[in-house]
Amino acid sequence: MESKNLNRIVSEIITYSVDIDDQSIKKVARLCSEANRIFVAGAGRSGFAARGFANRLMQLGFKAYFVGETTTPSIKKGDLLIIGSGSGNTNSLVVDAEVAKKVGAKLVTLTIFPDGLIGKQADSIIVLPGETPKNDSDSKKNSIQPMGTLFEQLSWLTYDSIVLELMNITNTSEESMFNLHANLE
């Protein structure tokens, strides 16, 4: 039996995914390939998508860290910080962006609102469709899903698109990535 809600969600993702700029994805992949180390940040459900991306970066052979983990080192010049924030104004993430820029690191954000406090500092922005109750803008997409769900889903898929670009840039196979897959689970 067909799941109507699942089909509605997938249809919504297809409808809004065409609004995501492929050149922005390629630019972020290039910034990743040029960075000494890559730091990834996000809060709440956006943070879960960001953690998955940091994991894939590690499996691609990059020195990648999720911000806030106890084993995350300090960011420095030559590094890259990628922040997923629907509102573009999440307080803790704004502070992270400010610290990164202060030390000379590059900054990328995935956001609904490129004019947010994080986007204003960013070297590159991937604008994702979506809505969030944290922003009163009239530019919201009319999602059938609650709160920031559409943004979070499109974040995950956009991160996966960056991974595919990086696999091409680095000539990395799925087999070599699997060699870096966790064996302590």
N, C-alpha and C. Protein backbone atom coordinates (compact mmCIF):
# COMPACT_ATOMS: atom_id res chain seq x y z
N MET A 1 0.83 -1.19 0.00
CA MET A 1 0.00 0.00 0.00
C MET A 1 0.88 1.25 0.00
N GLU A 2 0.53 2.20 -0.79
CA GLU A 2 1.27 3.44 -0.97
C GLU A 2 1.14 4.35 0.26
N SER A 3 2.25 4.97 0.63
CA SER A 3 2.24 5.95 1.73
C SER A 3 2.03 7.35 1.16
N LYS A 4 0.86 7.89 1.35
CA LYS A 4 0.54 9.21 0.80
C LYS A 4 1.42 10.30 1.39
N ASN A 5 1.65 10.26 2.70
CA ASN A 5 2.47 11.30 3.31
C ASN A 5 3.91 11.23 2.81
N LEU A 6 4.46 10.03 2.69
CA LEU A 6 5.82 9.90 2.19
C LEU A 6 5.91 10.42 0.76
N ASN A 7 4.96 10.09 -0.07
CA ASN A 7 4.96 10.58 -1.44
C ASN A 7 4.83 12.09 -1.50
N ARG A 8 4.04 12.67 -0.62
CA ARG A 8 3.90 14.13 -0.57
C ARG A 8 5.22 14.78 -0.17
N ILE A 9 5.93 14.18 0.78
CA ILE A 9 7.22 14.72 1.21
C ILE A 9 8.24 14.64 0.08
N VAL A 10 8.33 13.48 -0.56
CA VAL A 10 9.29 13.31 -1.66
C VAL A 10 8.96 14.28 -2.80
N SER A 11 7.70 14.45 -3.10
CA SER A 11 7.28 15.39 -4.14
C SER A 11 7.71 16.81 -3.78
N GLU A 12 7.55 17.17 -2.51
CA GLU A 12 7.95 18.50 -2.06
C GLU A 12 9.46 18.69 -2.21
N ILE A 13 10.22 17.69 -1.85
CA ILE A 13 11.68 17.78 -1.98
C ILE A 13 12.07 17.96 -3.44
N ILE A 14 11.44 17.21 -4.32
CA ILE A 14 11.73 17.34 -5.76
C ILE A 14 11.36 18.74 -6.24
N THR A 15 10.21 19.23 -5.83
CA THR A 15 9.74 20.56 -6.25
C THR A 15 10.73 21.64 -5.85
N TYR A 16 11.20 21.61 -4.62
CA TYR A 16 12.06 22.69 -4.13
C TYR A 16 13.55 22.47 -4.40
N SER A 17 13.97 21.25 -4.68
CA SER A 17 15.40 21.00 -4.92
C SER A 17 15.89 21.71 -6.18
N VAL A 18 15.02 21.97 -7.14
CA VAL A 18 15.44 22.65 -8.36
C VAL A 18 15.86 24.09 -8.09
N ASP A 19 15.51 24.63 -6.93
CA ASP A 19 15.89 26.00 -6.58
C ASP A 19 17.31 26.09 -6.01
N ILE A 20 17.97 24.97 -5.81
CA ILE A 20 19.32 24.97 -5.23
C ILE A 20 20.34 25.08 -6.36
N ASP A 21 21.21 26.07 -6.26
CA ASP A 21 22.18 26.39 -7.31
C ASP A 21 23.35 25.40 -7.34
N ASP A 22 23.48 24.71 -8.46
CA ASP A 22 24.55 23.71 -8.62
C ASP A 22 25.94 24.34 -8.57
N GLN A 23 26.08 25.57 -9.08
CA GLN A 23 27.39 26.23 -9.05
C GLN A 23 27.83 26.52 -7.61
N SER A 24 26.87 26.82 -6.75
CA SER A 24 27.20 27.04 -5.33
C SER A 24 27.71 25.76 -4.70
N ILE A 25 27.10 24.64 -5.04
CA ILE A 25 27.55 23.34 -4.53
C ILE A 25 28.97 23.06 -5.00
N LYS A 26 29.25 23.31 -6.27
CA LYS A 26 30.59 23.07 -6.81
C LYS A 26 31.63 23.99 -6.16
N LYS A 27 31.24 25.23 -5.90
CA LYS A 27 32.16 26.16 -5.24
C LYS A 27 32.50 25.68 -3.84
N VAL A 28 31.51 25.21 -3.10
CA VAL A 28 31.75 24.72 -1.74
C VAL A 28 32.64 23.47 -1.79
N ALA A 29 32.41 22.60 -2.75
CA ALA A 29 33.27 21.42 -2.89
C ALA A 29 34.72 21.84 -3.16
N ARG A 30 34.91 22.85 -3.99
CA ARG A 30 36.26 23.35 -4.27
C ARG A 30 36.89 23.92 -3.00
N LEU A 31 36.11 24.71 -2.24
CA LEU A 31 36.64 25.25 -0.98
C LEU A 31 37.03 24.13 -0.02
N CYS A 32 36.24 23.07 0.02
CA CYS A 32 36.58 21.92 0.86
C CYS A 32 37.91 21.31 0.41
N SER A 33 38.07 21.13 -0.88
CA SER A 33 39.27 20.48 -1.40
C SER A 33 40.52 21.32 -1.17
N GLU A 34 40.36 22.63 -1.02
CA GLU A 34 41.50 23.53 -0.81
C GLU A 34 41.82 23.76 0.66
N ALA A 35 40.93 23.38 1.56
CA ALA A 35 41.09 23.69 2.99
C ALA A 35 42.10 22.76 3.65
N ASN A 36 42.80 23.30 4.63
CA ASN A 36 43.68 22.45 5.45
C ASN A 36 42.85 21.47 6.27
N ARG A 37 41.83 21.99 6.92
CA ARG A 37 40.92 21.19 7.73
C ARG A 37 39.52 21.76 7.55
N ILE A 38 38.52 20.91 7.76
CA ILE A 38 37.13 21.34 7.59
C ILE A 38 36.38 21.14 8.90
N PHE A 39 35.75 22.22 9.35
CA PHE A 39 34.92 22.20 10.55
C PHE A 39 33.47 22.35 10.11
N VAL A 40 32.59 21.56 10.68
CA VAL A 40 31.19 21.58 10.31
C VAL A 40 30.37 21.85 11.57
N ALA A 41 29.37 22.73 11.44
CA ALA A 41 28.55 23.10 12.60
C ALA A 41 27.09 23.21 12.21
N GLY A 42 26.25 22.95 13.18
CA GLY A 42 24.81 23.10 13.03
C GLY A 42 24.19 22.78 14.37
N ALA A 43 23.04 23.34 14.63
CA ALA A 43 22.34 23.10 15.89
C ALA A 43 21.05 22.34 15.62
N GLY A 44 20.60 21.62 16.63
CA GLY A 44 19.34 20.89 16.51
C GLY A 44 19.35 19.88 15.38
N ARG A 45 18.23 19.78 14.67
CA ARG A 45 18.12 18.81 13.57
C ARG A 45 19.04 19.16 12.41
N SER A 46 19.30 20.44 12.19
CA SER A 46 20.28 20.84 11.17
C SER A 46 21.66 20.31 11.54
N GLY A 47 21.92 20.24 12.83
CA GLY A 47 23.19 19.70 13.31
C GLY A 47 23.35 18.22 13.02
N PHE A 48 22.24 17.48 13.05
CA PHE A 48 22.32 16.05 12.71
C PHE A 48 22.76 15.87 11.27
N ALA A 49 22.21 16.67 10.36
CA ALA A 49 22.62 16.60 8.96
C ALA A 49 24.09 16.99 8.82
N ALA A 50 24.50 18.02 9.55
CA ALA A 50 25.89 18.47 9.51
C ALA A 50 26.84 17.40 10.03
N ARG A 51 26.45 16.69 11.08
CA ARG A 51 27.28 15.60 11.60
C ARG A 51 27.47 14.50 10.56
N GLY A 52 26.40 14.17 9.86
CA GLY A 52 26.51 13.18 8.80
C GLY A 52 27.49 13.61 7.72
N PHE A 53 27.46 14.90 7.39
CA PHE A 53 28.39 15.43 6.40
C PHE A 53 29.84 15.36 6.90
N ALA A 54 30.07 15.73 8.14
CA ALA A 54 31.42 15.66 8.70
C ALA A 54 31.93 14.22 8.64
N ASN A 55 31.06 13.27 8.89
CA ASN A 55 31.43 11.86 8.82
C ASN A 55 31.86 11.48 7.41
N ARG A 56 31.10 11.90 6.41
CA ARG A 56 31.46 11.60 5.02
C ARG A 56 32.76 12.29 4.62
N LEU A 57 32.99 13.51 5.09
CA LEU A 57 34.26 14.18 4.80
C LEU A 57 35.44 13.37 5.33
N MET A 58 35.29 12.85 6.56
CA MET A 58 36.34 12.01 7.13
C MET A 58 36.55 10.77 6.26
N GLN A 59 35.46 10.16 5.80
CA GLN A 59 35.59 8.96 4.97
C GLN A 59 36.21 9.27 3.61
N LEU A 60 36.12 10.52 3.18
CA LEU A 60 36.80 10.95 1.96
C LEU A 60 38.29 11.22 2.19
N GLY A 61 38.72 11.18 3.44
CA GLY A 61 40.12 11.39 3.76
C GLY A 61 40.46 12.80 4.22
N PHE A 62 39.45 13.65 4.39
CA PHE A 62 39.68 15.01 4.88
C PHE A 62 39.83 15.01 6.39
N LYS A 63 40.58 15.97 6.90
CA LYS A 63 40.60 16.21 8.34
C LYS A 63 39.35 17.02 8.64
N ALA A 64 38.34 16.37 9.19
CA ALA A 64 37.04 17.00 9.39
C ALA A 64 36.61 16.85 10.84
N TYR A 65 35.97 17.90 11.34
CA TYR A 65 35.55 17.93 12.74
C TYR A 65 34.15 18.52 12.84
N PHE A 66 33.38 18.03 13.80
CA PHE A 66 32.10 18.64 14.11
C PHE A 66 32.31 19.57 15.30
N VAL A 67 31.92 20.81 15.15
CA VAL A 67 32.12 21.82 16.19
C VAL A 67 31.34 21.44 17.44
N GLY A 68 32.02 21.49 18.57
CA GLY A 68 31.39 21.20 19.85
C GLY A 68 31.82 19.87 20.45
N GLU A 69 32.41 19.01 19.63
CA GLU A 69 32.92 17.74 20.16
C GLU A 69 34.19 18.03 20.96
N THR A 70 34.45 17.22 21.96
CA THR A 70 35.62 17.48 22.81
C THR A 70 36.94 17.26 22.07
N THR A 71 36.92 16.53 20.98
CA THR A 71 38.15 16.28 20.22
C THR A 71 38.35 17.27 19.07
N THR A 72 37.50 18.29 18.98
CA THR A 72 37.62 19.29 17.92
C THR A 72 38.68 20.31 18.30
N PRO A 73 39.72 20.46 17.44
CA PRO A 73 40.77 21.44 17.74
C PRO A 73 40.33 22.86 17.42
N SER A 74 41.20 23.81 17.68
CA SER A 74 40.89 25.21 17.36
C SER A 74 41.03 25.43 15.85
N ILE A 75 40.18 26.30 15.33
CA ILE A 75 40.21 26.63 13.91
C ILE A 75 41.30 27.65 13.66
N LYS A 76 41.91 27.58 12.48
CA LYS A 76 43.02 28.47 12.14
C LYS A 76 42.90 28.96 10.70
N LYS A 77 43.75 29.89 10.33
CA LYS A 77 43.82 30.36 8.95
C LYS A 77 44.10 29.16 8.04
N GLY A 78 43.44 29.12 6.91
CA GLY A 78 43.60 28.01 5.97
C GLY A 78 42.56 26.93 6.16
N ASP A 79 41.79 27.02 7.25
CA ASP A 79 40.72 26.05 7.51
C ASP A 79 39.41 26.58 6.93
N LEU A 80 38.40 25.73 6.94
CA LEU A 80 37.07 26.06 6.43
C LEU A 80 36.03 25.68 7.47
N LEU A 81 35.11 26.59 7.73
CA LEU A 81 33.97 26.31 8.61
C LEU A 81 32.72 26.30 7.76
N ILE A 82 31.95 25.22 7.82
CA ILE A 82 30.69 25.10 7.12
C ILE A 82 29.58 25.06 8.16
N ILE A 83 28.66 26.02 8.08
CA ILE A 83 27.58 26.13 9.06
C ILE A 83 26.24 25.92 8.36
N GLY A 84 25.45 25.00 8.90
CA GLY A 84 24.06 24.83 8.47
C GLY A 84 23.15 25.53 9.46
N SER A 85 22.44 26.55 9.00
CA SER A 85 21.53 27.30 9.87
C SER A 85 20.38 27.83 9.03
N GLY A 86 19.20 27.28 9.23
CA GLY A 86 18.04 27.75 8.46
C GLY A 86 17.82 29.23 8.60
N SER A 87 17.82 29.71 9.83
CA SER A 87 17.55 31.14 10.08
C SER A 87 18.75 32.01 9.72
N GLY A 88 19.94 31.44 9.77
CA GLY A 88 21.16 32.22 9.54
C GLY A 88 21.51 33.11 10.70
N ASN A 89 20.80 32.94 11.82
CA ASN A 89 21.00 33.81 12.99
C ASN A 89 21.11 33.06 14.31
N THR A 90 21.31 31.76 14.28
CA THR A 90 21.43 30.98 15.51
C THR A 90 22.61 31.52 16.33
N ASN A 91 22.35 31.96 17.55
CA ASN A 91 23.35 32.68 18.34
C ASN A 91 24.70 31.98 18.43
N SER A 92 24.72 30.74 18.83
CA SER A 92 26.00 30.04 19.00
C SER A 92 26.73 29.90 17.67
N LEU A 93 26.00 29.73 16.58
CA LEU A 93 26.62 29.58 15.27
C LEU A 93 27.12 30.92 14.73
N VAL A 94 26.45 32.01 15.08
CA VAL A 94 26.95 33.34 14.72
C VAL A 94 28.29 33.57 15.38
N VAL A 95 28.43 33.19 16.64
CA VAL A 95 29.70 33.33 17.36
C VAL A 95 30.77 32.48 16.69
N ASP A 96 30.43 31.24 16.31
CA ASP A 96 31.40 30.38 15.62
C ASP A 96 31.88 31.03 14.32
N ALA A 97 30.95 31.61 13.57
CA ALA A 97 31.31 32.29 12.32
C ALA A 97 32.26 33.45 12.58
N GLU A 98 31.97 34.22 13.61
CA GLU A 98 32.82 35.37 13.96
C GLU A 98 34.22 34.93 14.34
N VAL A 99 34.32 33.85 15.11
CA VAL A 99 35.63 33.33 15.51
C VAL A 99 36.41 32.87 14.27
N ALA A 100 35.75 32.13 13.39
CA ALA A 100 36.41 31.63 12.18
C ALA A 100 36.95 32.78 11.33
N LYS A 101 36.13 33.80 11.12
CA LYS A 101 36.56 34.93 10.30
C LYS A 101 37.69 35.70 10.97
N LYS A 102 37.63 35.81 12.29
CA LYS A 102 38.66 36.55 13.04
C LYS A 102 40.04 35.91 12.87
N VAL A 103 40.10 34.58 12.82
CA VAL A 103 41.39 33.91 12.69
C VAL A 103 41.81 33.72 11.23
N GLY A 104 40.95 34.10 10.30
CA GLY A 104 41.31 34.02 8.89
C GLY A 104 40.86 32.76 8.17
N ALA A 105 39.95 32.02 8.78
CA ALA A 105 39.40 30.83 8.12
C ALA A 105 38.32 31.25 7.13
N LYS A 106 38.05 30.40 6.16
CA LYS A 106 36.95 30.63 5.21
C LYS A 106 35.65 30.16 5.87
N LEU A 107 34.53 30.74 5.41
CA LEU A 107 33.23 30.43 5.98
C LEU A 107 32.22 30.15 4.87
N VAL A 108 31.50 29.05 5.02
CA VAL A 108 30.42 28.67 4.12
C VAL A 108 29.17 28.48 4.97
N THR A 109 28.02 28.82 4.42
CA THR A 109 26.78 28.52 5.12
C THR A 109 25.75 27.95 4.17
N LEU A 110 24.96 27.02 4.68
CA LEU A 110 23.74 26.55 4.04
C LEU A 110 22.62 27.17 4.85
N THR A 111 21.76 27.92 4.20
CA THR A 111 20.75 28.69 4.92
C THR A 111 19.55 29.00 4.04
N ILE A 112 18.46 29.31 4.67
CA ILE A 112 17.29 29.82 3.96
C ILE A 112 17.47 31.32 3.71
N PHE A 113 18.13 31.99 4.65
CA PHE A 113 18.23 33.45 4.65
C PHE A 113 19.69 33.91 4.50
N PRO A 114 20.15 34.13 3.26
CA PRO A 114 21.54 34.51 3.04
C PRO A 114 21.91 35.86 3.64
N ASP A 115 20.92 36.70 3.95
CA ASP A 115 21.20 38.00 4.55
C ASP A 115 21.24 37.95 6.07
N GLY A 116 21.19 36.74 6.63
CA GLY A 116 21.30 36.59 8.07
C GLY A 116 22.70 36.94 8.54
N LEU A 117 22.91 36.94 9.84
CA LEU A 117 24.20 37.33 10.42
C LEU A 117 25.34 36.41 9.97
N ILE A 118 25.07 35.14 9.76
CA ILE A 118 26.11 34.22 9.29
C ILE A 118 26.40 34.47 7.81
N GLY A 119 25.35 34.60 7.01
CA GLY A 119 25.52 34.82 5.58
C GLY A 119 26.29 36.09 5.26
N LYS A 120 26.11 37.12 6.06
CA LYS A 120 26.80 38.40 5.84
C LYS A 120 28.32 38.25 5.98
N GLN A 121 28.76 37.22 6.69
CA GLN A 121 30.19 36.99 6.89
C GLN A 121 30.76 35.94 5.95
N ALA A 122 29.89 35.21 5.24
CA ALA A 122 30.29 34.01 4.51
C ALA A 122 31.06 34.32 3.23
N ASP A 123 31.99 33.44 2.92
CA ASP A 123 32.72 33.48 1.65
C ASP A 123 31.91 32.82 0.55
N SER A 124 31.04 31.90 0.93
CA SER A 124 30.17 31.23 -0.02
C SER A 124 28.89 30.82 0.69
N ILE A 125 27.77 30.88 -0.04
CA ILE A 125 26.47 30.56 0.53
C ILE A 125 25.73 29.62 -0.40
N ILE A 126 25.14 28.58 0.17
CA ILE A 126 24.19 27.76 -0.56
C ILE A 126 22.82 28.07 0.03
N VAL A 127 21.98 28.67 -0.78
CA VAL A 127 20.64 29.04 -0.33
C VAL A 127 19.71 27.86 -0.57
N LEU A 128 19.06 27.43 0.51
CA LEU A 128 18.13 26.32 0.44
C LEU A 128 16.71 26.82 0.68
N PRO A 129 15.75 26.29 -0.05
CA PRO A 129 14.37 26.62 0.23
C PRO A 129 13.95 26.04 1.58
N GLY A 130 13.00 26.64 2.20
CA GLY A 130 12.50 26.11 3.46
C GLY A 130 11.86 27.21 4.27
N GLU A 131 11.46 26.83 5.44
CA GLU A 131 10.88 27.79 6.37
C GLU A 131 11.36 27.44 7.76
N THR A 132 11.30 28.40 8.62
CA THR A 132 11.66 28.19 10.01
C THR A 132 10.84 29.14 10.87
N PRO A 133 10.37 28.67 12.01
CA PRO A 133 9.63 29.57 12.90
C PRO A 133 10.53 30.62 13.55
N LYS A 134 11.85 30.52 13.34
CA LYS A 134 12.79 31.47 13.93
C LYS A 134 12.92 32.75 13.12
N ASN A 135 12.24 32.83 11.97
CA ASN A 135 12.36 34.01 11.13
C ASN A 135 10.97 34.42 10.65
N ASP A 136 10.66 35.68 10.75
CA ASP A 136 9.33 36.18 10.39
C ASP A 136 9.24 36.64 8.93
N SER A 137 10.23 36.34 8.12
CA SER A 137 10.24 36.81 6.74
C SER A 137 9.04 36.29 5.96
N ASP A 138 8.62 37.06 4.97
CA ASP A 138 7.54 36.64 4.09
C ASP A 138 8.03 35.72 2.98
N SER A 139 9.35 35.44 2.92
CA SER A 139 9.91 34.65 1.83
C SER A 139 9.87 33.15 2.10
N LYS A 140 9.11 32.73 3.08
CA LYS A 140 9.03 31.32 3.43
C LYS A 140 8.39 30.51 2.32
N LYS A 141 8.87 29.28 2.15
CA LYS A 141 8.22 28.34 1.26
C LYS A 141 7.05 27.74 2.02
N ASN A 142 6.03 27.38 1.32
CA ASN A 142 4.85 26.83 1.96
C ASN A 142 4.99 25.32 2.03
N SER A 143 5.67 24.83 3.04
CA SER A 143 5.92 23.40 3.20
C SER A 143 4.74 22.71 3.88
N ILE A 144 4.51 21.48 3.49
CA ILE A 144 3.50 20.66 4.16
C ILE A 144 4.02 20.12 5.48
N GLN A 145 5.35 20.24 5.69
CA GLN A 145 5.99 19.67 6.86
C GLN A 145 6.19 20.75 7.94
N PRO A 146 6.25 20.33 9.19
CA PRO A 146 6.35 21.31 10.27
C PRO A 146 7.73 21.94 10.39
N MET A 147 7.71 23.15 10.88
CA MET A 147 8.89 23.92 11.29
C MET A 147 9.96 23.90 10.21
N GLY A 148 11.18 23.49 10.53
CA GLY A 148 12.29 23.55 9.58
C GLY A 148 12.58 22.25 8.86
N THR A 149 11.63 21.33 8.83
CA THR A 149 11.89 20.00 8.28
C THR A 149 12.37 20.03 6.83
N LEU A 150 11.74 20.81 5.97
CA LEU A 150 12.16 20.86 4.57
C LEU A 150 13.61 21.32 4.46
N PHE A 151 13.99 22.35 5.21
CA PHE A 151 15.37 22.82 5.19
C PHE A 151 16.33 21.72 5.64
N GLU A 152 15.97 21.02 6.70
CA GLU A 152 16.85 19.97 7.23
C GLU A 152 17.04 18.85 6.21
N GLN A 153 15.96 18.45 5.55
CA GLN A 153 16.06 17.41 4.53
C GLN A 153 16.91 17.86 3.35
N LEU A 154 16.66 19.08 2.89
CA LEU A 154 17.44 19.58 1.76
C LEU A 154 18.90 19.81 2.15
N SER A 155 19.16 20.13 3.42
CA SER A 155 20.55 20.23 3.89
C SER A 155 21.26 18.90 3.73
N TRP A 156 20.62 17.85 4.21
CA TRP A 156 21.23 16.52 4.14
C TRP A 156 21.55 16.17 2.69
N LEU A 157 20.59 16.38 1.80
CA LEU A 157 20.78 16.03 0.40
C LEU A 157 21.81 16.94 -0.28
N THR A 158 21.86 18.20 0.12
CA THR A 158 22.87 19.10 -0.43
C THR A 158 24.26 18.69 0.03
N TYR A 159 24.40 18.33 1.29
CA TYR A 159 25.69 17.82 1.77
C TYR A 159 26.10 16.58 0.96
N ASP A 160 25.15 15.70 0.68
CA ASP A 160 25.46 14.52 -0.13
C ASP A 160 25.87 14.91 -1.55
N SER A 161 25.29 15.97 -2.09
CA SER A 161 25.70 16.46 -3.41
C SER A 161 27.14 16.97 -3.37
N ILE A 162 27.51 17.64 -2.29
CA ILE A 162 28.89 18.10 -2.13
C ILE A 162 29.83 16.89 -2.06
N VAL A 163 29.42 15.85 -1.35
CA VAL A 163 30.23 14.63 -1.26
C VAL A 163 30.48 14.05 -2.65
N LEU A 164 29.44 13.97 -3.48
CA LEU A 164 29.61 13.44 -4.84
C LEU A 164 30.60 14.30 -5.64
N GLU A 165 30.51 15.62 -5.51
CA GLU A 165 31.47 16.51 -6.17
C GLU A 165 32.89 16.24 -5.67
N LEU A 166 33.02 16.08 -4.35
CA LEU A 166 34.35 15.83 -3.78
C LEU A 166 34.90 14.47 -4.20
N MET A 167 34.04 13.48 -4.37
CA MET A 167 34.51 12.18 -4.86
C MET A 167 35.12 12.35 -6.25
N ASN A 168 34.51 13.19 -7.09
CA ASN A 168 35.06 13.45 -8.42
C ASN A 168 36.36 14.25 -8.34
N ILE A 169 36.38 15.29 -7.53
CA ILE A 169 37.57 16.13 -7.40
C ILE A 169 38.76 15.33 -6.90
N THR A 170 38.53 14.49 -5.91
CA THR A 170 39.63 13.74 -5.28
C THR A 170 39.84 12.37 -5.90
N ASN A 171 38.99 12.02 -6.87
CA ASN A 171 39.06 10.70 -7.50
C ASN A 171 39.00 9.59 -6.45
N THR A 172 38.05 9.73 -5.53
CA THR A 172 37.88 8.78 -4.44
C THR A 172 36.72 7.85 -4.75
N SER A 173 36.95 6.58 -4.54
CA SER A 173 35.91 5.58 -4.78
C SER A 173 35.16 5.26 -3.48
N GLU A 174 33.99 4.67 -3.65
CA GLU A 174 33.23 4.22 -2.49
C GLU A 174 34.01 3.18 -1.71
N GLU A 175 34.76 2.35 -2.40
CA GLU A 175 35.57 1.31 -1.73
C GLU A 175 36.64 1.94 -0.84
N SER A 176 37.31 2.98 -1.33
CA SER A 176 38.34 3.61 -0.49
C SER A 176 37.70 4.35 0.69
N MET A 177 36.50 4.89 0.47
CA MET A 177 35.79 5.53 1.58
C MET A 177 35.43 4.49 2.64
N PHE A 178 35.02 3.32 2.20
CA PHE A 178 34.63 2.28 3.16
C PHE A 178 35.82 1.84 4.01
N ASN A 179 37.03 1.97 3.48
CA ASN A 179 38.24 1.63 4.25
C ASN A 179 38.39 2.55 5.45
N LEU A 180 37.77 3.74 5.39
CA LEU A 180 37.82 4.67 6.52
C LEU A 180 36.54 4.62 7.38
N HIS A 181 35.64 3.75 7.02
CA HIS A 181 34.40 3.57 7.79
C HIS A 181 34.74 3.05 9.18
N ALA A 182 34.00 3.46 10.18
CA ALA A 182 34.25 3.04 11.56
C ALA A 182 34.23 1.50 11.67
N ASN A 183 35.21 0.96 12.37
CA ASN A 183 35.21 -0.48 12.67
C ASN A 183 35.07 -0.71 14.17
N LEU A 184 34.92 0.36 14.93
CA LEU A 184 34.60 0.28 16.35
C LEU A 184 33.20 0.85 16.52
N GLU A 185 32.23 -0.03 16.49
CA GLU A 185 30.84 0.43 16.56
C GLU A 185 30.19 -0.15 17.78
